[in-house]
């Protein structure tokens, strides 16, 4: 390992611990989240996003506004006004060059991980190592163990249906490479996860197996003990903002799941239509051999259908390679966020249980034990980190889905433009034949 993370990292939460409200303070849930009956902007945002986040406008070009000359000119006028990449970067990670390895017992793919950094934690300015999927899975598990208060980006699903998807095909490997590259970039952009010692090891160690053999971390054992202690304890009251986040994630995952299923059906129908088009076009070409005056127009129709087939194939590939992976990533993201919320609830349950145990003691108002104060600090850190990660996740999501939907619109416009140009190209030919008669 080349160096280690800073010994102390400040919480990424937007408030200091002293400003965080006591989770059990006050007699009402409004007081528990801020001391005011007016919902916070974050809470209102979480509620509204559940219904409006993925709704597209129904209207077209406003009246009196001329349409753009092409889809690209429209997209060039659109600017993302919430670019979150304004920070000065000192760590760059890329995933490329997938290679297939055939061994006696197994066959697998490795990817080259290239790291460039000016951080003091790295002994060298650049590293290059090779990792396979299970190494990425190890990294994510270690991040979950050592950073339980933070949202860990999801990995692409490991298992594929045999006979349906060839996991060694160029298309599948490239799709996975893109997903793994995004996974590492998400971690690199995080102000806490990017300093994690396990991430450092993943990026720099030539032999990762020595680190993977280490036992379960202390934090994991502590987490398991918390689950055991609080397993049957019901929360007294979850803060409204975290309850709103949970409801939003449920709705968000449900909407994306529906879009994903419908998109897959559309792609399936497009592939079936593409097969028909590829059989349909050549019929006009063979028919033209039997005709005299109609030969040229029939060949033109055959060429038009061929051009439409090519355009449809490009649209289907874009949907499969660019659209569906983003939907699935964010469905997995919502599961990751729910997992962090569950851990937060376990810490709160532990704190409430300890408070009740202190209250049941017979002595007169004893001093709050140190372990109770420590548990309260843990919960407040958890709340701050979770809110900060949720805000970062919302910013990333807004940017990703803007780009995704703009790209989807652009690809569909290009598809219909190509089909329109193809059919318009044979109109002069047909008119010429008519004038000749």
Protein backbone atom coordinates (compact mmCIF):
# COMPACT_ATOMS: atom_id res chain seq x y z
CA UNK A 1 0.00 0.00 0.00
CA UNK A 2 1.27 3.45 -0.85
CA UNK A 3 0.51 5.65 2.14
CA UNK A 4 -2.77 5.84 4.04
CA UNK A 5 -5.75 8.15 4.39
CA UNK A 6 -5.69 11.24 6.56
CA UNK A 7 -6.03 10.35 10.24
CA UNK A 8 -9.05 12.58 10.70
CA UNK A 9 -11.65 13.62 8.17
CA UNK A 10 -14.36 16.14 8.88
CA UNK A 11 -17.95 15.09 8.45
CA UNK A 12 -19.35 15.83 5.03
CA UNK A 13 -22.59 16.98 6.58
CA UNK A 14 -23.70 20.56 6.01
CA UNK A 15 -23.98 21.27 9.75
CA UNK A 16 -21.69 20.89 12.72
CA UNK A 17 -22.60 18.40 15.41
CA UNK A 18 -23.57 21.19 17.78
CA UNK A 19 -26.10 22.46 15.25
CA UNK A 20 -27.67 19.05 14.71
CA UNK A 21 -31.03 18.71 16.54
CA UNK A 22 -31.41 16.12 19.25
CA UNK A 23 -33.34 13.22 17.66
CA UNK A 24 -35.64 12.85 20.66
CA UNK A 25 -36.00 16.51 21.59
CA UNK A 26 -39.45 18.07 21.80
CA UNK A 27 -42.87 16.48 21.88
CA UNK A 28 -43.63 16.70 18.17
CA UNK A 29 -41.96 15.30 15.09
CA UNK A 30 -41.62 18.81 13.65
CA UNK A 31 -39.48 19.86 16.58
CA UNK A 32 -37.35 16.77 16.14
CA UNK A 33 -36.20 17.89 12.73
CA UNK A 34 -35.74 21.58 13.19
CA UNK A 35 -37.83 23.19 15.90
CA UNK A 36 -40.24 24.70 13.37
CA UNK A 37 -43.50 23.44 11.97
CA UNK A 38 -42.47 24.56 8.47
CA UNK A 39 -40.91 21.68 6.51
CA UNK A 40 -37.33 22.21 5.45
CA UNK A 41 -36.52 22.85 1.77
CA UNK A 42 -34.75 19.48 1.63
CA UNK A 43 -37.90 17.74 2.87
CA UNK A 44 -40.09 19.56 0.37
CA UNK A 45 -37.59 18.68 -2.36
CA UNK A 46 -37.65 15.02 -1.41
CA UNK A 47 -41.46 14.98 -1.47
CA UNK A 48 -41.81 16.80 -4.76
CA UNK A 49 -39.15 14.79 -6.56
CA UNK A 50 -41.07 11.60 -5.90
CA UNK A 51 -43.80 12.81 -8.25
CA UNK A 52 -42.06 15.19 -10.66
CA UNK A 53 -38.54 13.95 -11.16
CA UNK A 54 -39.11 11.86 -14.27
CA UNK A 55 -42.10 13.67 -15.79
CA UNK A 56 -41.43 15.02 -19.27
CA UNK A 57 -43.22 18.09 -20.64
CA UNK A 58 -46.13 17.29 -22.96
CA UNK A 59 -45.77 20.37 -25.10
CA UNK A 60 -43.62 20.74 -28.18
CA UNK A 61 -42.03 23.86 -29.61
CA UNK A 62 -43.74 26.98 -28.17
CA UNK A 63 -45.97 28.96 -30.50
CA UNK A 64 -44.08 31.53 -32.46
CA UNK A 65 -40.75 29.75 -32.00
CA UNK A 66 -39.05 28.31 -35.05
CA UNK A 67 -37.87 24.73 -34.86
CA UNK A 68 -34.12 24.13 -34.91
CA UNK A 69 -32.49 23.16 -38.17
CA UNK A 70 -31.34 19.86 -36.67
CA UNK A 71 -31.38 17.95 -33.42
CA UNK A 72 -27.73 18.77 -32.76
CA UNK A 73 -28.38 22.51 -32.98
CA UNK A 74 -31.11 22.12 -30.36
CA UNK A 75 -28.87 20.22 -28.00
CA UNK A 76 -26.05 22.71 -28.47
CA UNK A 77 -28.33 25.42 -27.07
CA UNK A 78 -29.10 23.43 -23.95
CA UNK A 79 -26.74 23.96 -21.05
CA UNK A 80 -26.56 22.07 -17.76
CA UNK A 81 -26.90 24.79 -15.15
CA UNK A 82 -25.96 22.60 -12.20
CA UNK A 83 -22.57 21.24 -13.10
CA UNK A 84 -21.15 19.85 -9.87
CA UNK A 85 -17.73 19.23 -11.31
CA UNK A 86 -16.30 22.59 -10.42
CA UNK A 87 -13.92 21.26 -7.78
CA UNK A 88 -10.20 21.10 -8.41
CA UNK A 89 -9.38 17.47 -9.05
CA UNK A 90 -6.27 15.76 -7.78
CA UNK A 91 -7.23 12.14 -8.50
CA UNK A 92 -8.06 10.62 -11.89
CA UNK A 93 -9.02 6.98 -12.43
CA UNK A 94 -9.94 5.20 -15.68
CA UNK A 95 -10.96 1.65 -16.54
CA UNK A 96 -10.01 0.32 -19.98
CA UNK A 97 -8.27 -2.46 -21.95
CA UNK A 98 -10.39 -5.52 -20.99
CA UNK A 99 -8.58 -8.83 -21.51
CA UNK A 100 -9.86 -12.39 -21.46
CA UNK A 101 -7.95 -14.94 -19.35
CA UNK A 102 -8.46 -18.66 -19.95
CA UNK A 103 -7.26 -20.87 -17.08
CA UNK A 104 -7.69 -24.53 -16.24
CA UNK A 105 -10.48 -23.93 -13.72
CA UNK A 106 -12.10 -20.75 -15.01
CA UNK A 107 -12.28 -18.05 -17.66
CA UNK A 108 -12.53 -14.43 -16.64
CA UNK A 109 -12.03 -10.82 -17.78
CA UNK A 110 -9.61 -8.33 -16.24
CA UNK A 111 -9.57 -4.57 -16.72
CA UNK A 112 -6.71 -2.12 -16.55
CA UNK A 113 -7.07 0.49 -13.81
CA UNK A 114 -4.97 3.61 -14.45
CA UNK A 115 -4.59 6.11 -11.62
CA UNK A 116 -3.01 9.56 -11.75
CA UNK A 117 -2.79 11.69 -8.61
CA UNK A 118 -0.88 14.44 -6.86
CA UNK A 119 -2.06 13.40 -3.39
CA UNK A 120 0.53 12.76 -0.69
CA UNK A 121 -1.08 9.38 0.06
CA UNK A 122 0.27 8.04 -3.23
CA UNK A 123 4.00 7.33 -3.47
CA UNK A 124 3.96 7.56 -7.28
CA UNK A 125 2.17 10.00 -9.59
CA UNK A 126 0.75 7.18 -11.72
CA UNK A 127 -0.26 3.53 -11.21
CA UNK A 128 -1.50 0.83 -13.53
CA UNK A 129 -2.96 -2.43 -12.22
CA UNK A 130 -5.31 -5.09 -13.53
CA UNK A 131 -8.49 -6.08 -11.69
CA UNK A 132 -11.33 -8.51 -12.29
CA UNK A 133 -14.97 -8.09 -11.27
CA UNK A 134 -14.61 -9.87 -7.93
CA UNK A 135 -11.90 -7.35 -6.99
CA UNK A 136 -14.38 -4.52 -7.52
CA UNK A 137 -16.86 -6.46 -5.39
CA UNK A 138 -14.23 -6.77 -2.63
CA UNK A 139 -13.63 -3.02 -2.75
CA UNK A 140 -17.31 -2.22 -2.40
CA UNK A 141 -17.68 -4.59 0.55
CA UNK A 142 -14.72 -2.97 2.29
CA UNK A 143 -16.14 0.48 1.71
CA UNK A 144 -19.45 -0.59 3.22
CA UNK A 145 -17.63 -1.99 6.26
CA UNK A 146 -15.35 0.98 6.87
CA UNK A 147 -17.71 3.81 5.83
CA UNK A 148 -21.15 2.67 7.08
CA UNK A 149 -22.51 6.25 7.23
CA UNK A 150 -21.93 6.92 3.54
CA UNK A 151 -23.69 5.93 0.35
CA UNK A 152 -21.51 3.47 -1.60
CA UNK A 153 -22.07 3.51 -5.39
CA UNK A 154 -23.53 0.29 -6.81
CA UNK A 155 -21.73 -2.19 -9.01
CA UNK A 156 -23.27 -3.58 -12.21
CA UNK A 157 -25.05 -6.87 -11.56
CA UNK A 158 -22.68 -9.82 -11.56
CA UNK A 159 -24.90 -12.63 -12.74
CA UNK A 160 -26.29 -12.97 -16.25
CA UNK A 161 -28.79 -15.44 -17.64
CA UNK A 162 -26.87 -18.23 -19.34
CA UNK A 163 -27.88 -18.74 -22.92
CA UNK A 164 -29.34 -15.23 -23.15
CA UNK A 165 -26.32 -13.01 -22.53
CA UNK A 166 -22.79 -14.00 -23.45
CA UNK A 167 -20.65 -12.50 -20.70
CA UNK A 168 -17.55 -12.73 -22.90
CA UNK A 169 -19.05 -10.95 -25.90
CA UNK A 170 -17.52 -7.61 -26.89
CA UNK A 171 -20.83 -5.81 -26.30
CA UNK A 172 -21.29 -7.17 -22.78
CA UNK A 173 -17.66 -6.60 -21.78
CA UNK A 174 -17.75 -3.02 -23.04
CA UNK A 175 -21.02 -2.31 -21.21
CA UNK A 176 -19.53 -3.69 -18.01
CA UNK A 177 -16.30 -1.73 -18.51
CA UNK A 178 -18.28 1.51 -18.74
CA UNK A 179 -20.20 0.62 -15.56
CA UNK A 180 -17.02 -0.23 -13.64
CA UNK A 181 -15.39 2.98 -14.85
CA UNK A 182 -18.38 4.97 -13.59
CA UNK A 183 -18.27 3.09 -10.27
CA UNK A 184 -14.66 4.15 -9.64
CA UNK A 185 -15.30 7.71 -10.78
CA UNK A 186 -18.19 7.99 -8.32
CA UNK A 187 -15.82 7.00 -5.53
CA UNK A 188 -13.09 9.29 -6.82
CA UNK A 189 -15.47 12.26 -6.75
CA UNK A 190 -16.52 11.59 -3.15
CA UNK A 191 -14.74 13.76 -0.54
CA UNK A 192 -14.51 10.90 1.98
CA UNK A 193 -14.59 7.62 0.06
CA UNK A 194 -11.74 8.71 -2.20
CA UNK A 195 -9.44 8.84 0.86
CA UNK A 196 -10.38 5.37 2.08
CA UNK A 197 -7.36 3.11 2.64
CA UNK A 198 -9.03 0.16 0.89
CA UNK A 199 -9.57 2.32 -2.19
CA UNK A 200 -5.89 3.23 -2.06
CA UNK A 201 -4.96 -0.45 -1.90
CA UNK A 202 -7.30 -1.29 -4.78
CA UNK A 203 -5.69 1.35 -7.01
CA UNK A 204 -2.05 0.68 -6.14
CA UNK A 205 -1.43 -2.88 -4.90
CA UNK A 206 0.13 -5.26 -7.40
CA UNK A 207 -1.11 -8.29 -5.48
CA UNK A 208 -4.57 -7.71 -4.06
CA UNK A 209 -5.07 -11.27 -2.79
CA UNK A 210 -2.97 -10.64 0.33
CA UNK A 211 -5.36 -7.89 1.40
CA UNK A 212 -8.47 -9.87 0.47
CA UNK A 213 -7.50 -12.64 2.92
CA UNK A 214 -7.77 -10.35 5.93
CA UNK A 215 -10.60 -11.06 8.36
CA UNK A 216 -13.79 -9.18 8.98
CA UNK A 217 -13.22 -5.60 10.09
CA UNK A 218 -14.00 -4.44 13.61
CA UNK A 219 -16.65 -2.07 12.34
CA UNK A 220 -18.50 -4.98 10.79
CA UNK A 221 -18.46 -6.92 14.06
CA UNK A 222 -19.71 -3.85 15.89
CA UNK A 223 -22.43 -3.43 13.29
CA UNK A 224 -23.52 -7.03 13.72
CA UNK A 225 -23.69 -6.59 17.49
CA UNK A 226 -25.86 -3.50 17.02
CA UNK A 227 -28.22 -5.52 14.84
CA UNK A 228 -28.41 -8.18 17.54
CA UNK A 229 -29.13 -5.67 20.30
CA UNK A 230 -31.67 -3.59 18.37
CA UNK A 231 -33.23 -6.34 16.29
CA UNK A 232 -36.52 -6.29 18.20
CA UNK A 233 -36.56 -2.60 19.06
CA UNK A 234 -39.03 -0.32 17.27
CA UNK A 235 -38.00 3.25 16.63
CA UNK A 236 -39.80 5.81 18.74
CA UNK A 237 -39.92 8.31 15.88
CA UNK A 238 -37.88 8.56 12.72
CA UNK A 239 -37.10 12.18 11.75
CA UNK A 240 -39.45 13.41 9.04
CA UNK A 241 -36.72 14.18 6.54
CA UNK A 242 -35.43 10.60 6.63
CA UNK A 243 -38.96 9.21 6.44
CA UNK A 244 -39.50 11.39 3.35
CA UNK A 245 -36.26 10.08 1.82
CA UNK A 246 -37.42 6.49 2.35
CA UNK A 247 -40.79 7.18 0.71
CA UNK A 248 -39.14 8.96 -2.18
CA UNK A 249 -36.71 6.08 -2.81
CA UNK A 250 -39.57 3.56 -2.88
CA UNK A 251 -41.47 5.64 -5.45
CA UNK A 252 -38.34 6.40 -7.45
CA UNK A 253 -37.33 2.73 -7.72
CA UNK A 254 -40.90 1.77 -8.68
CA UNK A 255 -41.00 4.33 -11.50
CA UNK A 256 -37.59 3.38 -12.84
CA UNK A 257 -38.48 -0.32 -12.67
CA UNK A 258 -41.60 0.33 -14.76
CA UNK A 259 -39.65 2.40 -17.30
CA UNK A 260 -36.99 -0.32 -17.48
CA UNK A 261 -39.53 -3.07 -18.17
CA UNK A 262 -41.34 -1.05 -20.83
CA UNK A 263 -38.06 0.00 -22.47
CA UNK A 264 -36.98 -3.62 -22.68
CA UNK A 265 -40.28 -4.54 -24.34
CA UNK A 266 -39.87 -1.68 -26.81
CA UNK A 267 -36.35 -2.84 -27.66
CA UNK A 268 -37.59 -6.39 -28.13
CA UNK A 269 -40.32 -5.18 -30.50
CA UNK A 270 -37.82 -3.00 -32.38
CA UNK A 271 -35.53 -6.00 -32.86
CA UNK A 272 -38.46 -8.07 -34.17
CA UNK A 273 -39.44 -5.22 -36.50
CA UNK A 274 -35.82 -4.97 -37.65
CA UNK A 275 -35.85 -8.66 -38.61
CA UNK A 276 -38.99 -8.09 -40.67
CA UNK A 277 -37.51 -5.05 -42.39
CA UNK A 278 -34.41 -7.01 -43.38
CA UNK A 279 -36.65 -9.58 -45.07
CA UNK A 280 -39.01 -6.98 -46.47
CA UNK A 281 -36.49 -4.86 -48.36
CA UNK A 282 -34.88 -7.57 -50.52
CA UNK A 283 -38.32 -8.62 -51.80
CA UNK A 284 -38.61 -5.35 -53.71
CA UNK A 285 -35.14 -5.87 -55.13
CA UNK A 286 -35.91 -9.37 -56.45
CA UNK A 287 -39.26 -8.13 -57.76
CA UNK A 288 -37.51 -5.41 -59.76
CA UNK A 289 -35.75 -8.06 -61.84
CA UNK A 290 -39.15 -9.07 -63.24
CA UNK A 291 -40.24 -5.57 -64.18
CA UNK A 292 -39.20 -3.14 -66.84
CA UNK A 293 -40.34 0.41 -66.11
CA UNK A 294 -40.86 -0.36 -62.42
CA UNK A 295 -37.38 -1.77 -61.88
CA UNK A 296 -35.74 1.50 -60.83
CA UNK A 297 -38.51 2.62 -58.42
CA UNK A 298 -38.61 -0.83 -56.81
CA UNK A 299 -34.86 -0.76 -56.28
CA UNK A 300 -35.29 2.67 -54.71
CA UNK A 301 -37.89 1.36 -52.25
CA UNK A 302 -35.58 -1.53 -51.37
CA UNK A 303 -32.74 0.91 -50.68
CA UNK A 304 -35.05 3.09 -48.54
CA UNK A 305 -36.05 0.14 -46.40
CA UNK A 306 -32.38 -0.80 -46.03
CA UNK A 307 -31.55 2.72 -44.83
CA UNK A 308 -34.43 2.62 -42.36
CA UNK A 309 -33.18 -0.74 -41.10
CA UNK A 310 -29.73 0.69 -40.45
CA UNK A 311 -31.20 3.69 -38.62
CA UNK A 312 -33.41 1.45 -36.46
CA UNK A 313 -30.47 -0.79 -35.60
CA UNK A 314 -28.48 2.24 -34.42
CA UNK A 315 -31.41 3.45 -32.29
CA UNK A 316 -31.83 0.01 -30.70
CA UNK A 317 -28.11 -0.24 -29.92
CA UNK A 318 -28.17 3.19 -28.29
CA UNK A 319 -31.16 2.21 -26.14
CA UNK A 320 -29.44 -1.02 -25.07
CA UNK A 321 -25.96 0.39 -24.45
CA UNK A 322 -26.70 3.88 -23.10
CA UNK A 323 -30.28 4.12 -21.82
CA UNK A 324 -30.90 0.84 -19.98
CA UNK A 325 -27.59 0.79 -18.02
CA UNK A 326 -28.33 4.19 -16.45
CA UNK A 327 -31.81 3.07 -15.39
CA UNK A 328 -30.43 -0.09 -13.80
CA UNK A 329 -27.62 1.79 -12.07
CA UNK A 330 -30.06 4.11 -10.35
CA UNK A 331 -32.38 1.26 -9.38
CA UNK A 332 -29.38 -0.31 -7.63
CA UNK A 333 -28.48 3.12 -6.24
CA UNK A 334 -31.87 3.35 -4.55
CA UNK A 335 -31.27 -0.05 -2.93
CA UNK A 336 -27.90 1.19 -1.64
CA UNK A 337 -29.49 4.29 -0.16
CA UNK A 338 -32.18 2.20 1.53
CA UNK A 339 -29.43 0.07 3.06
CA UNK A 340 -27.75 3.17 4.52
CA UNK A 341 -31.11 4.38 5.88
CA UNK A 342 -31.59 1.03 7.57
CA UNK A 343 -28.16 1.31 9.22
CA UNK A 344 -29.04 4.82 10.39
CA UNK A 345 -32.23 3.48 11.96
CA UNK A 346 -30.25 0.79 13.76
CA UNK A 347 -27.95 3.39 15.29
CA UNK A 348 -30.94 5.48 16.35
CA UNK A 349 -32.60 2.39 17.84
CA UNK A 350 -29.44 1.62 19.80
CA UNK A 351 -29.35 5.20 21.12
CA UNK A 352 -33.01 5.17 22.13
CA UNK A 353 -32.61 1.82 23.87
CA UNK A 354 -29.68 3.13 25.90
CA UNK A 355 -31.59 6.28 26.82
CA UNK A 356 -34.50 4.20 28.07
CA UNK A 357 -32.15 2.02 30.09
CA UNK A 358 -30.72 5.13 31.78
CA UNK A 359 -34.21 6.50 32.46
CA UNK A 360 -35.26 3.27 34.18
CA UNK A 361 -32.51 3.51 36.74
CA UNK A 362 -33.75 4.38 40.21
CA UNK A 363 -31.05 6.85 41.18
CA UNK A 364 -31.82 10.56 40.89
CA UNK A 365 -31.08 11.85 37.39
CA UNK A 366 -27.66 10.31 36.97
CA UNK A 367 -25.15 11.80 34.57
CA UNK A 368 -25.54 10.54 31.02
CA UNK A 369 -23.05 7.69 30.58
CA UNK A 370 -20.19 8.13 28.13
CA UNK A 371 -21.39 5.26 25.93
CA UNK A 372 -24.76 7.01 25.50
CA UNK A 373 -23.07 10.25 24.48
CA UNK A 374 -20.83 8.34 22.11
CA UNK A 375 -23.86 6.66 20.55
CA UNK A 376 -25.52 10.05 20.16
CA UNK A 377 -22.42 11.37 18.38
CA UNK A 378 -22.49 8.39 16.05
CA UNK A 379 -26.12 9.03 15.21
CA UNK A 380 -25.55 12.73 14.57
CA UNK A 381 -22.57 11.95 12.33
CA UNK A 382 -24.71 9.39 10.52
CA UNK A 383 -27.47 11.96 9.97
CA UNK A 384 -25.06 14.60 8.68
CA UNK A 385 -23.19 12.24 6.35
CA UNK A 386 -26.38 10.71 5.00
CA UNK A 387 -27.95 14.09 4.23
CA UNK A 388 -24.78 15.29 2.51
CA UNK A 389 -24.59 12.11 0.41
CA UNK A 390 -28.27 12.38 -0.46
CA UNK A 391 -27.75 15.93 -1.71
CA UNK A 392 -24.73 14.85 -3.76
CA UNK A 393 -26.70 11.89 -5.15
CA UNK A 394 -29.61 14.16 -6.15
CA UNK A 395 -27.22 16.49 -7.98
CA UNK A 396 -25.60 13.58 -9.82
CA UNK A 397 -29.00 12.11 -10.65
CA UNK A 398 -30.33 15.38 -12.01
CA UNK A 399 -27.28 15.79 -14.23
CA UNK A 400 -27.24 12.16 -15.39
CA UNK A 401 -30.93 12.07 -16.28
CA UNK A 402 -30.80 15.37 -18.09
CA UNK A 403 -28.02 14.03 -20.27
CA UNK A 404 -29.81 10.69 -20.65
CA UNK A 405 -33.14 12.19 -21.72
CA UNK A 406 -31.47 14.74 -24.00
CA UNK A 407 -29.54 11.91 -25.62
CA UNK A 408 -32.71 9.84 -25.97
CA UNK A 409 -34.49 12.72 -27.66
CA UNK A 410 -31.53 13.35 -29.96
CA UNK A 411 -31.27 9.70 -31.03
CA UNK A 412 -34.99 9.48 -31.80
CA UNK A 413 -34.87 12.72 -33.80
CA UNK A 414 -31.91 11.39 -35.78
CA UNK A 415 -33.73 8.11 -36.44
CA UNK A 416 -36.84 9.77 -37.84
CA UNK A 417 -34.78 12.29 -39.82
CA UNK A 418 -32.89 9.43 -41.49
CA UNK A 419 -36.13 7.60 -42.30
CA UNK A 420 -37.68 10.80 -43.67
CA UNK A 421 -34.65 11.51 -45.85
CA UNK A 422 -34.68 7.93 -47.13
CA UNK A 423 -38.30 8.06 -48.29
CA UNK A 424 -38.06 11.60 -49.63
CA UNK A 425 -35.12 10.52 -51.80
CA UNK A 426 -37.28 8.31 -54.04
CA UNK A 427 -40.07 10.86 -54.59
CA UNK A 428 -38.21 12.61 -57.49
CA UNK A 429 -37.62 9.21 -59.08
CA UNK A 430 -41.31 8.32 -58.93
CA UNK A 431 -42.32 11.75 -60.24
CA UNK A 432 -39.87 11.41 -63.12
CA UNK A 433 -41.41 8.09 -64.13
CA UNK A 434 -44.87 9.64 -64.04
CA UNK A 435 -43.83 12.56 -66.26
CA UNK A 436 -42.22 10.18 -68.75
CA UNK A 437 -45.57 8.44 -69.22
